[in-house]
PDB file of N, CA and C in Angstrom:
ATOM      1  N   MET A   1       0.854  -1.191   0.040  1.00  0.00           N
ATOM      2  CA  MET A   1      -0.025   0.070   0.028  1.00  0.00           C
ATOM      3  C   MET A   1       0.830   1.184   0.147  1.00  0.00           C
ATOM      4  N   ASN A   2       2.012   1.176   0.583  1.00  0.00           N
ATOM      5  CA  ASN A   2       2.831   2.364   0.592  1.00  0.00           C
ATOM      6  C   ASN A   2       3.331   2.753  -0.756  1.00  0.00           C
ATOM      7  N   LEU A   3       3.617   1.751  -1.500  1.00  0.00           N
ATOM      8  CA  LEU A   3       4.193   1.956  -3.015  1.00  0.00           C
ATOM      9  C   LEU A   3       2.927   2.581  -3.702  1.00  0.00           C
ATOM     10  N   LEU A   4       1.790   2.185  -3.404  1.00  0.00           N
ATOM     11  CA  LEU A   4       0.573   2.722  -4.114  1.00  0.00           C
ATOM     12  C   LEU A   4       0.440   4.243  -3.869  1.00  0.00           C
ATOM     13  N   PHE A   5       0.544   4.580  -2.610  1.00  0.00           N
ATOM     14  CA  PHE A   5       0.384   6.033  -2.174  1.00  0.00           C
ATOM     15  C   PHE A   5       1.660   6.819  -2.728  1.00  0.00           C
ATOM     16  N   LYS A   6       2.815   6.278  -2.733  1.00  0.00           N
ATOM     17  CA  LYS A   6       3.970   6.968  -3.277  1.00  0.00           C
ATOM     18  C   LYS A   6       3.788   7.266  -4.821  1.00  0.00           C
ATOM     19  N   ALA A   7       3.194   6.255  -5.454  1.00  0.00           N
ATOM     20  CA  ALA A   7       2.935   6.459  -6.959  1.00  0.00           C
ATOM     21  C   ALA A   7       1.933   7.547  -7.226  1.00  0.00           C
ATOM     22  N   LEU A   8       0.769   7.528  -6.400  1.00  0.00           N
ATOM     23  CA  LEU A   8      -0.183   8.511  -6.582  1.00  0.00           C
ATOM     24  C   LEU A   8       0.125   9.910  -6.042  1.00  0.00           C
ATOM     25  N   ASN A   9       1.230  10.006  -5.390  1.00  0.00           N
ATOM     26  CA  ASN A   9       1.628  11.354  -4.816  1.00  0.00           C
ATOM     27  C   ASN A   9       2.444  12.161  -5.774  1.00  0.00           C
ATOM     28  N   ASP A  10       2.254  11.884  -7.010  1.00  0.00           N
ATOM     29  CA  ASP A  10       3.065  12.786  -8.018  1.00  0.00           C
ATOM     30  C   ASP A  10       2.093  13.038  -9.152  1.00  0.00           C
ATOM     31  N   ALA A  11       2.135  14.286  -9.476  1.00  0.00           N
ATOM     32  CA  ALA A  11       1.083  14.869 -10.520  1.00  0.00           C
ATOM     33  C   ALA A  11       1.425  14.262 -11.916  1.00  0.00           C
ATOM     34  N   THR A  12       2.680  14.077 -12.185  1.00  0.00           N
ATOM     35  CA  THR A  12       2.953  13.436 -13.498  1.00  0.00           C
ATOM     36  C   THR A  12       2.379  11.927 -13.554  1.00  0.00           C
ATOM     37  N   ARG A  13       2.590  11.168 -12.539  1.00  0.00           N
ATOM     38  CA  ARG A  13       2.074   9.779 -12.547  1.00  0.00           C
ATOM     39  C   ARG A  13       0.536   9.796 -12.544  1.00  0.00           C
ATOM     40  N   ARG A  14      -0.103  10.627 -11.839  1.00  0.00           N
ATOM     41  CA  ARG A  14      -1.507  10.779 -11.963  1.00  0.00           C
ATOM     42  C   ARG A  14      -1.947  11.205 -13.407  1.00  0.00           C
ATOM     43  N   GLU A  15      -1.317  11.968 -14.009  1.00  0.00           N
ATOM     44  CA  GLU A  15      -1.608  12.413 -15.431  1.00  0.00           C
ATOM     45  C   GLU A  15      -1.297  11.047 -16.252  1.00  0.00           C
ATOM     46  N   ILE A  16      -0.413  10.358 -16.150  1.00  0.00           N
ATOM     47  CA  ILE A  16      -0.224   9.187 -16.889  1.00  0.00           C
ATOM     48  C   ILE A  16      -1.391   8.176 -16.680  1.00  0.00           C
ATOM     49  N   LEU A  17      -1.828   8.086 -15.511  1.00  0.00           N
ATOM     50  CA  LEU A  17      -3.099   7.334 -15.317  1.00  0.00           C
ATOM     51  C   LEU A  17      -4.284   7.661 -15.880  1.00  0.00           C
ATOM     52  N   GLU A  18      -4.445   9.013 -16.028  1.00  0.00           N
ATOM     53  CA  GLU A  18      -5.465   9.579 -16.759  1.00  0.00           C
ATOM     54  C   GLU A  18      -5.504   9.303 -18.195  1.00  0.00           C
ATOM     55  N   MET A  19      -4.265   9.372 -18.722  1.00  0.00           N
ATOM     56  CA  MET A  19      -4.023   9.129 -20.170  1.00  0.00           C
ATOM     57  C   MET A  19      -4.389   7.658 -20.517  1.00  0.00           C
ATOM     58  N   LEU A  20      -4.075   6.713 -19.676  1.00  0.00           N
ATOM     59  CA  LEU A  20      -4.244   5.280 -19.744  1.00  0.00           C
ATOM     60  C   LEU A  20      -5.699   4.972 -19.536  1.00  0.00           C
ATOM     61  N   LYS A  21      -6.441   5.789 -19.033  1.00  0.00           N
ATOM     62  CA  LYS A  21      -7.986   5.681 -18.865  1.00  0.00           C
ATOM     63  C   LYS A  21      -8.474   5.462 -20.206  1.00  0.00           C
ATOM     64  N   LYS A  22      -8.032   6.162 -21.185  1.00  0.00           N
ATOM     65  CA  LYS A  22      -8.501   6.258 -22.434  1.00  0.00           C
ATOM     66  C   LYS A  22      -8.079   5.095 -23.350  1.00  0.00           C
ATOM     67  N   GLY A  23      -7.140   4.275 -22.939  1.00  0.00           N
ATOM     68  CA  GLY A  23      -6.571   3.141 -23.632  1.00  0.00           C
ATOM     69  C   GLY A  23      -5.110   2.811 -23.523  1.00  0.00           C
ATOM     70  N   ASP A  24      -4.610   1.784 -23.873  1.00  0.00           N
ATOM     71  CA  ASP A  24      -3.193   1.413 -23.837  1.00  0.00           C
ATOM     72  C   ASP A  24      -2.463   2.348 -24.704  1.00  0.00           C
ATOM     73  N   LEU A  25      -1.136   2.576 -24.225  1.00  0.00           N
ATOM     74  CA  LEU A  25      -0.225   3.508 -24.846  1.00  0.00           C
ATOM     75  C   LEU A  25       1.159   2.979 -24.811  1.00  0.00           C
ATOM     76  N   THR A  26       1.903   3.203 -25.828  1.00  0.00           N
ATOM     77  CA  THR A  26       3.320   2.884 -25.709  1.00  0.00           C
ATOM     78  C   THR A  26       4.087   3.913 -24.846  1.00  0.00           C
ATOM     79  N   ALA A  27       5.245   3.496 -24.394  1.00  0.00           N
ATOM     80  CA  ALA A  27       6.076   4.419 -23.570  1.00  0.00           C
ATOM     81  C   ALA A  27       6.394   5.698 -24.372  1.00  0.00           C
ATOM     82  N   GLY A  28       6.665   5.497 -25.662  1.00  0.00           N
ATOM     83  CA  GLY A  28       7.002   6.821 -26.563  1.00  0.00           C
ATOM     84  C   GLY A  28       5.764   7.694 -26.595  1.00  0.00           C
ATOM     85  N   ASP A  29       4.461   7.067 -26.656  1.00  0.00           N
ATOM     86  CA  ASP A  29       3.267   7.897 -26.768  1.00  0.00           C
ATOM     87  C   ASP A  29       3.060   8.692 -25.508  1.00  0.00           C
ATOM     88  N   ILE A  30       3.393   8.078 -24.431  1.00  0.00           N
ATOM     89  CA  ILE A  30       3.268   8.764 -23.149  1.00  0.00           C
ATOM     90  C   ILE A  30       4.266   9.856 -22.976  1.00  0.00           C
ATOM     91  N   ALA A  31       5.466   9.526 -23.317  1.00  0.00           N
ATOM     92  CA  ALA A  31       6.636  10.575 -23.209  1.00  0.00           C
ATOM     93  C   ALA A  31       6.469  11.645 -24.008  1.00  0.00           C
ATOM     94  N   ASP A  32       5.738  11.480 -25.264  1.00  0.00           N
ATOM     95  CA  ASP A  32       5.594  12.695 -26.216  1.00  0.00           C
ATOM     96  C   ASP A  32       4.481  13.645 -25.644  1.00  0.00           C
ATOM     97  N   GLN A  33       3.792  13.383 -24.572  1.00  0.00           N
ATOM     98  CA  GLN A  33       2.861  14.237 -23.914  1.00  0.00           C
ATOM     99  C   GLN A  33       3.492  15.013 -22.838  1.00  0.00           C
ATOM    100  N   PHE A  34       4.745  14.878 -22.532  1.00  0.00           N
ATOM    101  CA  PHE A  34       5.438  15.587 -21.536  1.00  0.00           C
ATOM    102  C   PHE A  34       6.783  16.230 -22.013  1.00  0.00           C
ATOM    103  N   SER A  35       6.993  17.383 -21.310  1.00  0.00           N
ATOM    104  CA  SER A  35       8.279  18.054 -21.620  1.00  0.00           C
ATOM    105  C   SER A  35       9.511  17.698 -20.695  1.00  0.00           C
ATOM    106  N   MET A  36       9.615  16.337 -20.606  1.00  0.00           N
ATOM    107  CA  MET A  36      10.737  15.738 -19.830  1.00  0.00           C
ATOM    108  C   MET A  36      11.370  14.673 -20.551  1.00  0.00           C
ATOM    109  N   SER A  37      12.533  14.218 -20.153  1.00  0.00           N
ATOM    110  CA  SER A  37      13.317  13.212 -20.804  1.00  0.00           C
ATOM    111  C   SER A  37      12.542  11.795 -20.868  1.00  0.00           C
ATOM    112  N   LYS A  38      12.799  11.074 -21.813  1.00  0.00           N
ATOM    113  CA  LYS A  38      12.193   9.719 -21.866  1.00  0.00           C
ATOM    114  C   LYS A  38      12.583   8.811 -20.625  1.00  0.00           C
ATOM    115  N   PRO A  39      13.888   8.975 -20.118  1.00  0.00           N
ATOM    116  CA  PRO A  39      14.339   8.200 -18.912  1.00  0.00           C
ATOM    117  C   PRO A  39      13.532   8.635 -17.713  1.00  0.00           C
ATOM    118  N   SER A  40      13.140   9.900 -17.618  1.00  0.00           N
ATOM    119  CA  SER A  40      12.254  10.401 -16.519  1.00  0.00           C
ATOM    120  C   SER A  40      10.879   9.768 -16.568  1.00  0.00           C
ATOM    121  N   ILE A  41      10.348   9.648 -17.783  1.00  0.00           N
ATOM    122  CA  ILE A  41       9.001   8.968 -18.007  1.00  0.00           C
ATOM    123  C   ILE A  41       9.155   7.487 -17.664  1.00  0.00           C
ATOM    124  N   SER A  42      10.245   6.893 -18.076  1.00  0.00           N
ATOM    125  CA  SER A  42      10.472   5.474 -17.695  1.00  0.00           C
ATOM    126  C   SER A  42      10.491   5.227 -16.293  1.00  0.00           C
ATOM    127  N   HIS A  43      11.153   6.212 -15.422  1.00  0.00           N
ATOM    128  CA  HIS A  43      11.015   6.060 -14.119  1.00  0.00           C
ATOM    129  C   HIS A  43       9.678   6.151 -13.512  1.00  0.00           C
ATOM    130  N   HIS A  44       8.857   7.100 -14.034  1.00  0.00           N
ATOM    131  CA  HIS A  44       7.546   7.151 -13.412  1.00  0.00           C
ATOM    132  C   HIS A  44       6.652   5.939 -13.809  1.00  0.00           C
ATOM    133  N   LEU A  45       6.855   5.420 -15.021  1.00  0.00           N
ATOM    134  CA  LEU A  45       6.323   4.096 -15.300  1.00  0.00           C
ATOM    135  C   LEU A  45       6.559   3.084 -14.578  1.00  0.00           C
ATOM    136  N   ASP A  46       7.817   2.965 -14.207  1.00  0.00           N
ATOM    137  CA  ASP A  46       8.463   1.910 -13.344  1.00  0.00           C
ATOM    138  C   ASP A  46       7.661   2.026 -11.954  1.00  0.00           C
ATOM    139  N   LEU A  47       7.719   3.131 -11.338  1.00  0.00           N
ATOM    140  CA  LEU A  47       7.001   3.297 -10.024  1.00  0.00           C
ATOM    141  C   LEU A  47       5.525   2.816 -10.091  1.00  0.00           C
ATOM    142  N   LEU A  48       4.861   3.228 -11.271  1.00  0.00           N
ATOM    143  CA  LEU A  48       3.497   2.865 -11.365  1.00  0.00           C
ATOM    144  C   LEU A  48       3.378   1.370 -11.488  1.00  0.00           C
ATOM    145  N   LYS A  49       4.190   0.761 -12.180  1.00  0.00           N
ATOM    146  CA  LYS A  49       4.203  -0.765 -12.251  1.00  0.00           C
ATOM    147  C   LYS A  49       4.479  -1.440 -10.912  1.00  0.00           C
ATOM    148  N   GLN A  50       5.661  -0.813 -10.198  1.00  0.00           N
ATOM    149  CA  GLN A  50       5.793  -1.491  -8.848  1.00  0.00           C
ATOM    150  C   GLN A  50       4.642  -1.394  -7.963  1.00  0.00           C
ATOM    151  N   ALA A  51       3.800  -0.165  -8.095  1.00  0.00           N
ATOM    152  CA  ALA A  51       2.675  -0.169  -7.233  1.00  0.00           C
ATOM    153  C   ALA A  51       1.502  -0.973  -7.689  1.00  0.00           C
ATOM    154  N   GLY A  52       1.666  -1.552  -8.888  1.00  0.00           N
ATOM    155  CA  GLY A  52       0.509  -2.397  -9.429  1.00  0.00           C
ATOM    156  C   GLY A  52      -0.421  -1.713 -10.105  1.00  0.00           C
ATOM    157  N   LEU A  53      -0.237  -0.351 -10.443  1.00  0.00           N
ATOM    158  CA  LEU A  53      -1.224   0.463 -11.081  1.00  0.00           C
ATOM    159  C   LEU A  53      -1.275   0.310 -12.606  1.00  0.00           C
ATOM    160  N   VAL A  54      -0.144  -0.084 -13.152  1.00  0.00           N
ATOM    161  CA  VAL A  54      -0.100  -0.242 -14.522  1.00  0.00           C
ATOM    162  C   VAL A  54       0.527  -1.657 -14.912  1.00  0.00           C
ATOM    163  N   GLU A  55       0.223  -2.241 -16.037  1.00  0.00           N
ATOM    164  CA  GLU A  55       0.854  -3.325 -16.463  1.00  0.00           C
ATOM    165  C   GLU A  55       1.514  -3.049 -17.861  1.00  0.00           C
ATOM    166  N   SER A  56       2.558  -3.752 -18.198  1.00  0.00           N
ATOM    167  CA  SER A  56       3.238  -3.494 -19.413  1.00  0.00           C
ATOM    168  C   SER A  56       3.368  -4.892 -20.280  1.00  0.00           C
ATOM    169  N   LEU A  57       3.276  -4.631 -21.605  1.00  0.00           N
ATOM    170  CA  LEU A  57       3.363  -5.746 -22.464  1.00  0.00           C
ATOM    171  C   LEU A  57       4.249  -5.356 -23.593  1.00  0.00           C
ATOM    172  N   LYS A  58       5.335  -6.072 -23.785  1.00  0.00           N
ATOM    173  CA  LYS A  58       6.307  -5.866 -24.881  1.00  0.00           C
ATOM    174  C   LYS A  58       5.973  -6.536 -26.076  1.00  0.00           C
ATOM    175  N   GLN A  59       5.751  -5.648 -27.242  1.00  0.00           N
ATOM    176  CA  GLN A  59       5.530  -6.229 -28.485  1.00  0.00           C
ATOM    177  C   GLN A  59       6.467  -5.594 -29.491  1.00  0.00           C
ATOM    178  N   GLY A  60       7.453  -6.509 -29.955  1.00  0.00           N
ATOM    179  CA  GLY A  60       8.462  -6.054 -30.707  1.00  0.00           C
ATOM    180  C   GLY A  60       9.317  -5.070 -30.007  1.00  0.00           C
ATOM    181  N   GLN A  61       9.528  -3.957 -30.601  1.00  0.00           N
ATOM    182  CA  GLN A  61      10.459  -2.895 -29.897  1.00  0.00           C
ATOM    183  C   GLN A  61       9.678  -1.967 -28.966  1.00  0.00           C
ATOM    184  N   TYR A  62       8.268  -2.146 -29.190  1.00  0.00           N
ATOM    185  CA  TYR A  62       7.514  -1.341 -28.158  1.00  0.00           C
ATOM    186  C   TYR A  62       7.055  -1.857 -26.878  1.00  0.00           C
ATOM    187  N   ILE A  63       6.829  -1.126 -25.933  1.00  0.00           N
ATOM    188  CA  ILE A  63       6.231  -1.479 -24.572  1.00  0.00           C
ATOM    189  C   ILE A  63       4.974  -0.799 -24.505  1.00  0.00           C
ATOM    190  N   TYR A  64       3.901  -1.543 -24.347  1.00  0.00           N
ATOM    191  CA  TYR A  64       2.584  -0.934 -24.263  1.00  0.00           C
ATOM    192  C   TYR A  64       2.139  -0.975 -22.634  1.00  0.00           C
ATOM    193  N   TYR A  65       1.728   0.138 -22.243  1.00  0.00           N
ATOM    194  CA  TYR A  65       1.266   0.126 -20.847  1.00  0.00           C
ATOM    195  C   TYR A  65      -0.374   0.280 -20.824  1.00  0.00           C
ATOM    196  N   SER A  66      -0.861  -0.309 -19.798  1.00  0.00           N
ATOM    197  CA  SER A  66      -2.376  -0.218 -19.572  1.00  0.00           C
ATOM    198  C   SER A  66      -2.653  -0.248 -18.048  1.00  0.00           C
ATOM    199  N   LEU A  67      -3.787   0.244 -17.719  1.00  0.00           N
ATOM    200  CA  LEU A  67      -4.216   0.309 -16.362  1.00  0.00           C
ATOM    201  C   LEU A  67      -4.475  -1.081 -15.898  1.00  0.00           C
ATOM    202  N   ASN A  68      -4.191  -1.326 -14.540  1.00  0.00           N
ATOM    203  CA  ASN A  68      -4.505  -2.596 -13.840  1.00  0.00           C
ATOM    204  C   ASN A  68      -5.656  -2.023 -12.915  1.00  0.00           C
ATOM    205  N   THR A  69      -6.955  -2.348 -13.455  1.00  0.00           N
ATOM    206  CA  THR A  69      -8.013  -1.965 -12.699  1.00  0.00           C
ATOM    207  C   THR A  69      -8.252  -2.795 -11.406  1.00  0.00           C
ATOM    208  N   THR A  70      -7.551  -3.953 -11.368  1.00  0.00           N
ATOM    209  CA  THR A  70      -7.813  -4.725 -10.187  1.00  0.00           C
ATOM    210  C   THR A  70      -7.374  -4.245  -8.926  1.00  0.00           C
ATOM    211  N   VAL A  71      -6.180  -3.551  -9.091  1.00  0.00           N
ATOM    212  CA  VAL A  71      -5.637  -2.622  -7.929  1.00  0.00           C
ATOM    213  C   VAL A  71      -6.515  -1.602  -7.665  1.00  0.00           C
ATOM    214  N   MET A  72      -7.040  -0.863  -8.680  1.00  0.00           N
ATOM    215  CA  MET A  72      -7.927   0.225  -8.368  1.00  0.00           C
ATOM    216  C   MET A  72      -9.151  -0.186  -7.613  1.00  0.00           C
ATOM    217  N   ASP A  73      -9.587  -1.310  -7.807  1.00  0.00           N
ATOM    218  CA  ASP A  73     -10.749  -1.988  -7.263  1.00  0.00           C
ATOM    219  C   ASP A  73     -10.520  -2.247  -5.726  1.00  0.00           C
ATOM    220  N   GLU A  74      -9.329  -2.619  -5.517  1.00  0.00           N
ATOM    221  CA  GLU A  74      -8.888  -2.891  -4.152  1.00  0.00           C
ATOM    222  C   GLU A  74      -8.754  -1.759  -3.315  1.00  0.00           C
ATOM    223  N   VAL A  75      -8.302  -0.691  -3.997  1.00  0.00           N
ATOM    224  CA  VAL A  75      -7.960   0.652  -3.244  1.00  0.00           C
ATOM    225  C   VAL A  75      -9.438   1.176  -2.873  1.00  0.00           C
ATOM    226  N   VAL A  76     -10.397   1.167  -3.814  1.00  0.00           N
ATOM    227  CA  VAL A  76     -11.751   1.672  -3.570  1.00  0.00           C
ATOM    228  C   VAL A  76     -12.259   0.986  -2.331  1.00  0.00           C
ATOM    229  N   LYS A  77     -12.153  -0.404  -2.349  1.00  0.00           N
ATOM    230  CA  LYS A  77     -12.745  -1.207  -1.242  1.00  0.00           C
ATOM    231  C   LYS A  77     -11.965  -0.784   0.137  1.00  0.00           C
ATOM    232  N   TRP A  78     -10.687  -0.566   0.000  1.00  0.00           N
ATOM    233  CA  TRP A  78     -10.056  -0.141   1.133  1.00  0.00           C
ATOM    234  C   TRP A  78     -10.422   1.048   1.806  1.00  0.00           C
ATOM    235  N   PHE A  79     -10.777   2.052   0.910  1.00  0.00           N
ATOM    236  CA  PHE A  79     -11.389   3.489   1.366  1.00  0.00           C
ATOM    237  C   PHE A  79     -12.748   3.325   1.897  1.00  0.00           C
ATOM    238  N   ILE A  80     -13.508   2.491   1.192  1.00  0.00           N
ATOM    239  CA  ILE A  80     -14.895   2.348   1.601  1.00  0.00           C
ATOM    240  C   ILE A  80     -15.062   1.840   3.016  1.00  0.00           C
ATOM    241  N   GLN A  81     -14.105   0.889   3.421  1.00  0.00           N
ATOM    242  CA  GLN A  81     -14.217   0.528   4.791  1.00  0.00           C
ATOM    243  C   GLN A  81     -14.215   1.500   5.995  1.00  0.00           C
ATOM    244  N   PHE A  82     -13.660   2.653   5.511  1.00  0.00           N
ATOM    245  CA  PHE A  82     -13.591   3.718   6.582  1.00  0.00           C
ATOM    246  C   PHE A  82     -14.823   4.577   6.678  1.00  0.00           C
ATOM    247  N   ASN A  83     -15.663   4.387   5.579  1.00  0.00           N
ATOM    248  CA  ASN A  83     -17.128   4.997   5.696  1.00  0.00           C
ATOM    249  C   ASN A  83     -18.031   4.256   6.209  1.00  0.00           C
ATOM    250  N   LYS A  84     -17.913   2.981   6.539  1.00  0.00           N
ATOM    251  CA  LYS A  84     -18.861   2.216   7.265  1.00  0.00           C
ATOM    252  C   LYS A  84     -19.047   2.536   8.761  1.00  0.00           C
ATOM    253  N   LYS A  85     -20.356   2.764   8.987  1.00  0.00           N
ATOM    254  CA  LYS A  85     -20.464   3.203  10.427  1.00  0.00           C
ATOM    255  C   LYS A  85     -20.899   1.909  11.274  1.00  0.00           C
ATOM    256  N   LYS A  86     -20.131   1.953  12.368  1.00  0.00           N
ATOM    257  CA  LYS A  86     -20.323   0.640  13.252  1.00  0.00           C
ATOM    258  C   LYS A  86     -21.585   0.922  14.199  1.00  0.00           C
ATOM    259  N   LYS A  87     -22.102  -0.170  14.429  1.00  0.00           N
ATOM    260  CA  LYS A  87     -23.520  -0.172  15.166  1.00  0.00           C
ATOM    261  C   LYS A  87     -23.251  -0.629  16.627  1.00  0.00           C
TER     262      LYS A  87
END
């Protein structure tokens, strides 16, 4: 859970997640949307992968990234438990 919150604590990584909401993208497609180096974007993608928020699939020379909605579901369930009232 700590890796998850660390990953979400950065605006660039949150923006990457927003982009992936629309569909799978290559690392290059993602990097083209930012004014930072490709190695920096790779670092952000690596942190998102470590947190389980994205998955990657290598096809030829490209790496495609997609959202891992399973982790998102688990996070939502975790947050919901705090909203339940005890009787």
